[in-house]
Protein backbone atom coordinates (compact mmCIF):
# COMPACT_ATOMS: atom_id res chain seq x y z
CA MET A 1 90.80 91.35 122.17
CA ALA A 2 90.13 88.78 119.58
CA VAL A 3 89.17 89.20 116.03
CA VAL A 4 86.59 86.62 114.59
CA SER A 5 86.21 86.01 110.55
CA ILE A 6 83.27 84.23 109.76
CA SER A 7 83.12 82.33 105.92
CA ARG A 8 79.42 81.17 105.17
CA GLN A 9 78.05 79.57 102.01
CA PHE A 10 75.66 81.83 100.62
CA GLY A 11 72.29 81.87 102.13
CA ALA A 12 73.31 80.01 105.65
CA GLY A 13 73.33 82.91 107.34
CA GLY A 14 76.36 84.55 107.78
CA ARG A 15 75.82 88.29 107.81
CA THR A 16 72.48 87.94 110.62
CA LEU A 17 75.22 85.88 112.36
CA GLY A 18 77.79 88.39 111.96
CA VAL A 19 75.60 90.99 113.21
CA LEU A 20 74.45 89.07 116.06
CA VAL A 21 77.54 88.13 117.54
CA ALA A 22 79.22 91.37 116.98
CA ALA A 23 76.47 92.88 118.95
CA GLU A 24 76.93 90.45 121.76
CA LEU A 25 80.42 91.25 122.18
CA GLY A 26 80.47 94.69 121.55
CA TYR A 27 82.53 94.51 118.48
CA HIS A 28 82.44 96.16 115.29
CA PHE A 29 81.04 93.72 112.17
CA LEU A 30 82.12 94.57 108.84
CA HIS A 31 80.34 92.87 105.98
CA GLU A 32 82.27 92.01 102.59
CA SER A 33 81.45 95.18 100.44
CA GLN A 34 82.68 97.35 103.66
CA LEU A 35 85.76 95.45 103.61
CA ASP A 36 86.31 96.54 99.82
CA GLN A 37 84.67 100.26 100.71
CA LEU A 38 87.40 100.53 103.45
CA THR A 39 89.72 99.14 101.33
CA GLU A 40 89.59 102.01 98.46
CA LYS A 41 89.13 104.65 101.09
CA ALA A 42 92.55 103.39 103.01
CA ALA A 43 94.46 103.21 99.42
CA GLY A 44 95.98 106.32 99.89
CA ALA A 45 97.36 106.10 103.62
CA ASP A 46 100.96 105.95 103.84
CA ALA A 47 101.66 103.04 106.39
CA ALA A 48 105.17 102.84 105.31
CA THR A 49 106.20 106.71 106.89
CA ASP A 50 104.07 106.61 110.10
CA ASN A 51 102.14 103.01 111.04
CA SER A 52 100.77 104.47 114.35
CA GLN A 53 98.93 107.14 112.16
CA TYR A 54 98.01 104.68 109.51
CA HIS A 55 95.96 102.33 112.41
CA ARG A 56 94.51 105.39 113.22
CA GLN A 57 93.06 105.83 109.73
CA VAL A 58 91.66 102.76 109.50
CA VAL A 59 89.77 102.55 112.50
CA GLU A 60 88.49 106.06 112.14
CA LEU A 61 87.10 104.86 108.55
CA LEU A 62 85.31 102.66 110.60
CA THR A 63 82.85 105.17 112.07
CA SER A 64 82.84 106.68 108.22
CA LEU A 65 81.43 103.84 106.27
CA ALA A 66 78.40 103.81 104.29
CA PRO A 67 75.73 101.00 105.67
CA SER A 68 76.10 98.35 102.98
CA ASN A 69 73.61 96.78 100.56
CA PHE A 70 74.06 93.22 101.25
CA MET A 71 72.97 92.15 97.57
CA ASP A 72 75.64 94.72 96.00
CA ARG A 73 78.64 91.63 96.35
CA TRP A 74 76.76 89.47 94.38
CA THR A 75 75.42 91.14 91.53
CA SER A 76 78.07 93.93 90.62
CA SER A 77 80.16 93.10 87.75
CA GLU A 78 83.66 94.58 90.08
CA GLY A 79 86.64 92.89 89.79
CA ASP A 80 88.89 91.62 92.10
CA ASP A 81 92.51 92.87 90.66
CA LYS A 82 95.63 91.86 92.31
CA GLY A 83 96.07 95.79 93.67
CA HIS A 84 92.47 95.33 95.37
CA ILE A 85 93.43 92.23 96.64
CA GLU A 86 97.15 92.90 98.39
CA ARG A 87 95.33 96.17 99.67
CA LEU A 88 92.60 94.42 101.22
CA THR A 89 95.11 92.48 102.87
CA HIS A 90 96.85 94.89 104.23
CA VAL A 91 93.64 96.32 105.40
CA ILE A 92 92.59 93.41 107.05
CA GLN A 93 95.53 92.55 108.63
CA GLU A 94 95.38 96.37 110.27
CA LEU A 95 91.77 95.83 111.09
CA ALA A 96 92.81 92.51 113.35
CA ASP A 97 95.70 94.31 115.23
CA GLU A 98 92.99 97.11 116.49
CA GLY A 99 91.05 93.93 117.40
CA LYS A 100 87.26 93.15 118.48
CA VAL A 101 86.26 93.19 115.09
CA VAL A 102 83.87 90.41 113.07
CA MET A 103 84.53 90.01 109.59
CA LEU A 104 82.29 88.18 106.99
CA GLY A 105 84.22 86.87 104.37
CA ARG A 106 86.88 88.60 101.82
CA GLY A 107 89.38 86.29 102.72
CA SER A 108 89.79 86.86 106.11
CA GLN A 109 90.10 83.34 107.15
CA PHE A 110 92.94 82.90 105.13
CA ILE A 111 94.82 86.06 105.48
CA LEU A 112 94.55 85.84 109.54
CA ARG A 113 94.53 81.90 109.47
CA TYR A 114 97.76 81.66 111.51
CA ARG A 115 97.06 84.60 114.15
CA PRO A 116 96.29 83.17 117.76
CA ASP A 117 93.70 85.77 118.53
CA THR A 118 91.43 85.32 115.47
CA VAL A 119 88.40 82.56 115.71
CA ARG A 120 87.84 81.27 112.22
CA ILE A 121 84.02 80.42 111.84
CA LEU A 122 82.64 78.45 108.67
CA LEU A 123 78.34 78.63 108.09
CA VAL A 124 77.10 76.03 106.14
CA ALA A 125 73.44 74.70 105.26
CA GLU A 126 71.72 72.08 103.13
CA LEU A 127 70.38 74.17 99.63
CA PRO A 128 66.43 73.76 100.11
CA HIS A 129 67.61 75.97 103.56
CA ARG A 130 69.68 78.28 101.78
CA ILE A 131 66.80 78.90 99.09
CA GLY A 132 64.25 79.25 101.89
CA PHE A 133 66.58 81.85 103.85
CA MET A 134 66.47 84.51 101.02
CA THR A 135 63.22 84.26 99.74
CA GLN A 136 62.20 85.03 103.29
CA ASN A 137 64.79 87.64 104.24
CA TYR A 138 65.27 89.51 100.20
CA ASN A 139 62.02 89.28 99.11
CA LEU A 140 63.32 86.76 96.37
CA ASP A 141 61.34 84.19 94.50
CA GLN A 142 62.62 80.58 95.01
CA ASP A 143 64.38 80.17 91.25
CA ARG A 144 65.95 83.87 91.21
CA ALA A 145 67.45 82.67 95.37
CA LYS A 146 68.82 79.44 93.29
CA ARG A 147 70.14 80.71 90.52
CA LEU A 148 72.00 83.68 93.08
CA ILE A 149 72.97 81.13 95.35
CA GLU A 150 74.72 79.08 92.68
CA GLU A 151 76.27 82.37 91.05
CA ALA A 152 77.87 83.44 94.55
CA ASP A 153 78.80 79.58 95.12
CA LYS A 154 81.11 80.23 92.19
CA LYS A 155 82.10 83.31 92.72
CA ARG A 156 83.22 82.78 96.13
CA ALA A 157 85.26 79.63 95.02
CA ARG A 158 87.04 81.90 92.40
CA PHE A 159 87.92 84.67 94.96
CA LEU A 160 89.07 82.48 97.56
CA ASN A 161 91.55 80.73 95.59
CA ASN A 162 93.50 83.84 95.52
CA PHE A 163 94.33 82.62 99.22
CA TYR A 164 94.04 79.20 99.50
CA PRO A 165 94.48 77.02 96.19
CA GLY A 166 91.55 74.20 97.70
CA GLU A 167 88.32 73.78 99.34
CA PRO A 168 87.52 76.31 101.04
CA ASP A 169 84.60 74.44 102.89
CA GLU A 170 87.38 72.22 104.32
CA ALA A 171 86.51 71.71 108.10
CA SER A 172 90.31 71.84 109.20
CA LEU A 173 90.65 75.30 108.14
CA TYR A 174 88.32 76.27 111.03
CA HIS A 175 87.63 76.40 114.88
CA LEU A 176 84.11 76.13 114.56
CA VAL A 177 81.61 74.51 111.63
CA LEU A 178 77.87 75.19 112.12
CA ASN A 179 75.18 74.13 110.22
CA THR A 180 71.76 76.67 109.93
CA SER A 181 69.73 73.87 108.60
CA LEU A 182 70.38 72.00 111.79
CA LEU A 183 70.85 75.16 114.19
CA SER A 184 69.37 78.22 114.78
CA LEU A 185 71.04 81.50 114.32
CA GLU A 186 70.20 82.35 117.77
CA GLY A 187 72.11 79.07 119.01
CA ALA A 188 75.21 79.60 116.60
CA THR A 189 75.15 82.63 118.25
CA ASN A 190 75.40 81.25 121.51
CA GLN A 191 77.86 78.87 120.33
CA VAL A 192 80.75 81.24 118.69
CA THR A 193 80.59 83.90 121.65
CA LYS A 194 80.90 81.69 123.88
CA LEU A 195 83.98 80.41 122.08
CA VAL A 196 85.11 83.76 121.54
CA LYS A 197 85.61 84.64 124.93
CA ARG A 198 87.32 81.30 125.97
CA ILE A 199 89.45 82.09 123.35
CA GLU A 200 90.46 85.91 124.49
CA ALA A 201 91.13 84.41 128.12
CA GLU A 202 93.34 81.93 127.01
CA PHE A 203 94.98 84.51 124.96
CA LYS A 204 95.44 87.04 127.41
CA LYS A 205 96.96 84.29 129.45
CA GLN A 206 99.51 83.70 127.23
CA THR A 207 100.33 87.53 126.47
CA MET A 208 100.73 87.87 130.24
CA ALA A 209 103.07 84.88 131.02
């Protein structure tokens, strides 16, 4: 069972890719706001006294999360305080232990960077494509879409600096970098699922050796 971490430039189609990949693989998909929601719900769990019970609580919460509003993460004034980041890190690690999950953002590519069962994907696109994607899919005019993309890029960079004080779109950090200006989301889904299945098979061989 693998774990997929998708990082993306805002407007490159990361959520759509995550949904498609999860459906193809039979995995859970968790968007950023759902990861935050899960973190707050799991905050009261006492992992120190019973790790197996904590694992079950985290997994059970996956089925109880309310559907996320895609725009919530980028239009809210919610802060990313140290305590929340620590809890988020713990929850993402627990989710990875369970496997079969696709996570979008929230630093999962860095939190899970050294796990051999994690596939890290970066989705990029040229700015005009990103603006077009937002106007077509989220009922925004071009000016509003461009402003939102600029705000989201800055917010993403600030947040990821908590985990990696460098360039988060550095290609060497990822297994696969896909440009959705040049490749359809269906084509990207095909590339990702093939890679995940291959890494799953390799990881299974290693653990059985």
